[in-house]
Amino acid sequence: MITLSMRSLIIQVLLILGTLLVILLIAWIALQLPATQLDWLAPARATATYFAWWRALLYALISAGWAAALRMRAAPVDQQRLKSLGLIGFSSIILVELSRV
């Protein structure tokens, strides 16, 4: 018989793998776009490097805040919630970056 903690671990692993599969599918779809569909992006690419630095700074600050929150000695339930929130946030950042093409 599978214990509750083992079932929870299996569900978490399946959720993570499912999320990764969706992220890879979105990346594959983005790579399959023909160049003619991307012509409207030409004016925006001039400022892309400027905004890339700001995005990198924002993501670094988010990661540092999340790591600092993980280092705090909180209840195990709060730690689990924080890890789940971090996974959701990290996946969201990846999805946003992959959607930028």
N, C-alpha and C. Protein backbone atom coordinates (compact mmCIF):
# COMPACT_ATOMS: atom_id res chain seq x y z
N MET A 1 0.84 -1.18 0.00
CA MET A 1 0.00 0.00 0.00
C MET A 1 0.89 1.24 0.00
N ILE A 2 0.52 2.22 -0.78
CA ILE A 2 1.29 3.45 -0.88
C ILE A 2 0.88 4.40 0.24
N THR A 3 1.88 4.89 0.96
CA THR A 3 1.58 5.83 2.04
C THR A 3 1.21 7.19 1.47
N LEU A 4 0.66 8.02 2.33
CA LEU A 4 0.23 9.34 1.90
C LEU A 4 1.41 10.19 1.44
N SER A 5 2.54 10.10 2.13
CA SER A 5 3.70 10.90 1.74
C SER A 5 4.27 10.41 0.40
N MET A 6 4.23 9.11 0.17
CA MET A 6 4.70 8.58 -1.09
C MET A 6 3.79 9.01 -2.23
N ARG A 7 2.48 8.99 -1.99
CA ARG A 7 1.52 9.42 -3.00
C ARG A 7 1.72 10.91 -3.31
N SER A 8 1.96 11.70 -2.28
CA SER A 8 2.21 13.13 -2.47
C SER A 8 3.46 13.36 -3.30
N LEU A 9 4.51 12.59 -3.04
CA LEU A 9 5.75 12.71 -3.79
C LEU A 9 5.53 12.33 -5.25
N ILE A 10 4.79 11.27 -5.50
CA ILE A 10 4.51 10.85 -6.87
C ILE A 10 3.72 11.92 -7.61
N ILE A 11 2.75 12.52 -6.94
CA ILE A 11 1.95 13.58 -7.56
C ILE A 11 2.81 14.79 -7.87
N GLN A 12 3.70 15.16 -6.95
CA GLN A 12 4.58 16.30 -7.19
C GLN A 12 5.50 16.04 -8.37
N VAL A 13 6.07 14.85 -8.45
CA VAL A 13 6.97 14.52 -9.56
C VAL A 13 6.20 14.55 -10.87
N LEU A 14 4.99 14.01 -10.89
CA LEU A 14 4.18 14.03 -12.12
C LEU A 14 3.80 15.45 -12.52
N LEU A 15 3.50 16.30 -11.55
CA LEU A 15 3.20 17.69 -11.86
C LEU A 15 4.41 18.42 -12.43
N ILE A 16 5.57 18.18 -11.86
CA ILE A 16 6.79 18.81 -12.36
C ILE A 16 7.09 18.32 -13.78
N LEU A 17 6.99 17.02 -14.00
CA LEU A 17 7.24 16.49 -15.33
C LEU A 17 6.22 17.00 -16.34
N GLY A 18 4.96 17.11 -15.94
CA GLY A 18 3.94 17.67 -16.82
C GLY A 18 4.22 19.12 -17.17
N THR A 19 4.64 19.89 -16.18
CA THR A 19 4.99 21.29 -16.42
C THR A 19 6.16 21.40 -17.39
N LEU A 20 7.17 20.59 -17.19
CA LEU A 20 8.32 20.60 -18.09
C LEU A 20 7.91 20.20 -19.50
N LEU A 21 7.03 19.24 -19.63
CA LEU A 21 6.56 18.82 -20.94
C LEU A 21 5.81 19.95 -21.65
N VAL A 22 4.97 20.67 -20.91
CA VAL A 22 4.25 21.79 -21.50
C VAL A 22 5.22 22.89 -21.92
N ILE A 23 6.22 23.17 -21.11
CA ILE A 23 7.21 24.19 -21.43
C ILE A 23 7.98 23.79 -22.69
N LEU A 24 8.38 22.55 -22.78
CA LEU A 24 9.10 22.08 -23.97
C LEU A 24 8.21 22.13 -25.21
N LEU A 25 6.94 21.82 -25.06
CA LEU A 25 6.00 21.89 -26.19
C LEU A 25 5.86 23.33 -26.67
N ILE A 26 5.74 24.26 -25.76
CA ILE A 26 5.64 25.67 -26.15
C ILE A 26 6.92 26.14 -26.84
N ALA A 27 8.07 25.72 -26.33
CA ALA A 27 9.34 26.09 -26.97
C ALA A 27 9.43 25.49 -28.36
N TRP A 28 9.00 24.27 -28.54
CA TRP A 28 9.04 23.63 -29.85
C TRP A 28 8.12 24.34 -30.83
N ILE A 29 6.94 24.72 -30.36
CA ILE A 29 6.00 25.45 -31.23
C ILE A 29 6.60 26.80 -31.62
N ALA A 30 7.24 27.48 -30.69
CA ALA A 30 7.86 28.77 -31.00
C ALA A 30 8.98 28.62 -32.02
N LEU A 31 9.72 27.53 -31.95
CA LEU A 31 10.81 27.32 -32.90
C LEU A 31 10.30 26.97 -34.30
N GLN A 32 9.07 26.50 -34.41
CA GLN A 32 8.52 26.11 -35.70
C GLN A 32 7.90 27.27 -36.47
N LEU A 33 7.84 28.46 -35.85
CA LEU A 33 7.24 29.60 -36.53
C LEU A 33 8.08 30.03 -37.73
N PRO A 34 7.46 30.26 -38.87
CA PRO A 34 8.23 30.74 -40.02
C PRO A 34 8.66 32.19 -39.82
N ALA A 35 9.68 32.61 -40.53
CA ALA A 35 10.23 33.95 -40.38
C ALA A 35 9.24 35.03 -40.79
N THR A 36 8.33 34.74 -41.70
CA THR A 36 7.37 35.76 -42.13
C THR A 36 6.41 36.14 -41.01
N GLN A 37 6.16 35.25 -40.09
CA GLN A 37 5.29 35.58 -38.97
C GLN A 37 5.98 36.44 -37.93
N LEU A 38 7.28 36.56 -38.04
CA LEU A 38 8.04 37.33 -37.04
C LEU A 38 8.47 38.69 -37.55
N ASP A 39 8.02 39.11 -38.75
CA ASP A 39 8.43 40.40 -39.31
C ASP A 39 7.95 41.57 -38.47
N TRP A 40 6.83 41.44 -37.81
CA TRP A 40 6.29 42.54 -37.01
C TRP A 40 7.13 42.81 -35.77
N LEU A 41 8.07 41.92 -35.46
CA LEU A 41 8.92 42.12 -34.28
C LEU A 41 10.15 42.99 -34.57
N ALA A 42 10.42 43.29 -35.83
CA ALA A 42 11.65 44.00 -36.19
C ALA A 42 11.82 45.33 -35.45
N PRO A 43 10.81 46.20 -35.36
CA PRO A 43 11.02 47.47 -34.64
C PRO A 43 11.32 47.26 -33.14
N ALA A 44 10.75 46.24 -32.57
CA ALA A 44 10.94 46.02 -31.13
C ALA A 44 12.30 45.43 -30.80
N ARG A 45 12.95 44.84 -31.77
CA ARG A 45 14.25 44.20 -31.49
C ARG A 45 15.37 45.19 -31.24
N ALA A 46 15.18 46.45 -31.62
CA ALA A 46 16.21 47.46 -31.39
C ALA A 46 16.40 47.71 -29.89
N THR A 47 15.34 47.60 -29.10
CA THR A 47 15.44 47.84 -27.66
C THR A 47 15.47 46.55 -26.86
N ALA A 48 15.58 45.42 -27.53
CA ALA A 48 15.51 44.13 -26.85
C ALA A 48 16.64 43.93 -25.85
N THR A 49 17.86 44.34 -26.20
CA THR A 49 18.98 44.12 -25.27
C THR A 49 18.83 44.99 -24.02
N TYR A 50 18.31 46.21 -24.19
CA TYR A 50 18.09 47.08 -23.03
C TYR A 50 17.12 46.44 -22.04
N PHE A 51 16.01 45.91 -22.56
CA PHE A 51 15.03 45.29 -21.68
C PHE A 51 15.50 43.94 -21.16
N ALA A 52 16.39 43.28 -21.88
CA ALA A 52 16.93 42.00 -21.40
C ALA A 52 17.70 42.20 -20.09
N TRP A 53 18.44 43.30 -19.99
CA TRP A 53 19.18 43.58 -18.76
C TRP A 53 18.23 43.82 -17.60
N TRP A 54 17.15 44.55 -17.84
CA TRP A 54 16.19 44.80 -16.78
C TRP A 54 15.47 43.53 -16.37
N ARG A 55 15.14 42.67 -17.33
CA ARG A 55 14.51 41.40 -17.00
C ARG A 55 15.46 40.52 -16.19
N ALA A 56 16.73 40.48 -16.59
CA ALA A 56 17.71 39.69 -15.85
C ALA A 56 17.84 40.19 -14.41
N LEU A 57 17.85 41.51 -14.24
CA LEU A 57 17.93 42.07 -12.89
C LEU A 57 16.68 41.72 -12.08
N LEU A 58 15.51 41.83 -12.69
CA LEU A 58 14.27 41.49 -12.01
C LEU A 58 14.26 40.02 -11.60
N TYR A 59 14.65 39.13 -12.50
CA TYR A 59 14.65 37.70 -12.19
C TYR A 59 15.68 37.37 -11.11
N ALA A 60 16.81 38.06 -11.12
CA ALA A 60 17.81 37.84 -10.07
C ALA A 60 17.28 38.27 -8.71
N LEU A 61 16.57 39.40 -8.68
CA LEU A 61 15.99 39.86 -7.41
C LEU A 61 14.90 38.92 -6.92
N ILE A 62 14.08 38.42 -7.82
CA ILE A 62 13.04 37.46 -7.44
C ILE A 62 13.68 36.19 -6.88
N SER A 63 14.73 35.69 -7.55
CA SER A 63 15.41 34.48 -7.08
C SER A 63 16.07 34.70 -5.73
N ALA A 64 16.68 35.85 -5.54
CA ALA A 64 17.33 36.14 -4.25
C ALA A 64 16.29 36.23 -3.13
N GLY A 65 15.17 36.85 -3.41
CA GLY A 65 14.11 36.93 -2.41
C GLY A 65 13.54 35.57 -2.06
N TRP A 66 13.37 34.74 -3.08
CA TRP A 66 12.84 33.41 -2.85
C TRP A 66 13.83 32.57 -2.04
N ALA A 67 15.13 32.67 -2.37
CA ALA A 67 16.14 31.93 -1.62
C ALA A 67 16.22 32.41 -0.17
N ALA A 68 16.08 33.72 0.03
CA ALA A 68 16.10 34.25 1.40
C ALA A 68 14.89 33.77 2.18
N ALA A 69 13.74 33.69 1.52
CA ALA A 69 12.54 33.20 2.20
C ALA A 69 12.68 31.72 2.55
N LEU A 70 13.35 30.95 1.69
CA LEU A 70 13.55 29.53 1.97
C LEU A 70 14.49 29.31 3.16
N ARG A 71 15.45 30.23 3.33
CA ARG A 71 16.41 30.08 4.43
C ARG A 71 15.77 30.36 5.79
N MET A 72 14.67 31.06 5.81
CA MET A 72 13.99 31.34 7.08
C MET A 72 13.46 30.04 7.65
N ARG A 73 13.53 29.90 8.94
CA ARG A 73 13.06 28.68 9.59
C ARG A 73 11.56 28.79 9.85
N ALA A 74 10.80 28.31 8.91
CA ALA A 74 9.34 28.36 9.03
C ALA A 74 8.81 26.94 9.24
N ALA A 75 7.53 26.85 9.44
CA ALA A 75 6.89 25.54 9.60
C ALA A 75 7.02 24.75 8.30
N PRO A 76 7.06 23.43 8.41
CA PRO A 76 7.20 22.60 7.20
C PRO A 76 6.09 22.84 6.18
N VAL A 77 4.89 23.13 6.65
CA VAL A 77 3.79 23.40 5.72
C VAL A 77 4.08 24.67 4.93
N ASP A 78 4.60 25.69 5.62
CA ASP A 78 4.94 26.94 4.94
C ASP A 78 6.09 26.75 3.97
N GLN A 79 7.05 25.92 4.35
CA GLN A 79 8.18 25.62 3.46
C GLN A 79 7.67 24.96 2.18
N GLN A 80 6.73 24.03 2.32
CA GLN A 80 6.19 23.34 1.15
C GLN A 80 5.42 24.31 0.26
N ARG A 81 4.65 25.20 0.87
CA ARG A 81 3.92 26.20 0.09
C ARG A 81 4.88 27.12 -0.64
N LEU A 82 5.97 27.49 0.02
CA LEU A 82 6.95 28.37 -0.60
C LEU A 82 7.64 27.67 -1.77
N LYS A 83 7.94 26.39 -1.62
CA LYS A 83 8.54 25.65 -2.72
C LYS A 83 7.58 25.54 -3.90
N SER A 84 6.32 25.29 -3.61
CA SER A 84 5.32 25.22 -4.68
C SER A 84 5.18 26.57 -5.37
N LEU A 85 5.15 27.64 -4.60
CA LEU A 85 5.06 28.98 -5.17
C LEU A 85 6.29 29.28 -6.03
N GLY A 86 7.45 28.84 -5.58
CA GLY A 86 8.67 29.03 -6.36
C GLY A 86 8.64 28.28 -7.67
N LEU A 87 8.11 27.06 -7.64
CA LEU A 87 7.99 26.27 -8.87
C LEU A 87 7.03 26.93 -9.84
N ILE A 88 5.92 27.43 -9.33
CA ILE A 88 4.96 28.12 -10.19
C ILE A 88 5.58 29.39 -10.77
N GLY A 89 6.27 30.15 -9.95
CA GLY A 89 6.91 31.37 -10.42
C GLY A 89 7.99 31.10 -11.44
N PHE A 90 8.82 30.11 -11.19
CA PHE A 90 9.88 29.76 -12.13
C PHE A 90 9.30 29.29 -13.45
N SER A 91 8.25 28.49 -13.40
CA SER A 91 7.60 28.04 -14.62
C SER A 91 6.98 29.20 -15.38
N SER A 92 6.40 30.15 -14.65
CA SER A 92 5.81 31.32 -15.30
C SER A 92 6.87 32.16 -16.00
N ILE A 93 8.01 32.33 -15.35
CA ILE A 93 9.09 33.09 -15.97
C ILE A 93 9.57 32.40 -17.23
N ILE A 94 9.71 31.09 -17.18
CA ILE A 94 10.15 30.34 -18.36
C ILE A 94 9.12 30.47 -19.48
N LEU A 95 7.84 30.36 -19.15
CA LEU A 95 6.81 30.49 -20.16
C LEU A 95 6.81 31.88 -20.79
N VAL A 96 6.99 32.91 -19.98
CA VAL A 96 7.03 34.27 -20.51
C VAL A 96 8.22 34.45 -21.43
N GLU A 97 9.37 33.95 -21.03
CA GLU A 97 10.56 34.10 -21.87
C GLU A 97 10.45 33.29 -23.17
N LEU A 98 9.87 32.12 -23.09
CA LEU A 98 9.71 31.33 -24.31
C LEU A 98 8.66 31.93 -25.23
N SER A 99 7.70 32.61 -24.68
CA SER A 99 6.67 33.22 -25.52
C SER A 99 7.19 34.46 -26.24
N ARG A 100 8.33 34.98 -25.81
CA ARG A 100 8.91 36.17 -26.44
C ARG A 100 9.59 35.85 -27.76
N VAL A 101 9.80 34.61 -28.06
CA VAL A 101 10.44 34.11 -29.29
C VAL A 101 11.83 34.58 -29.46
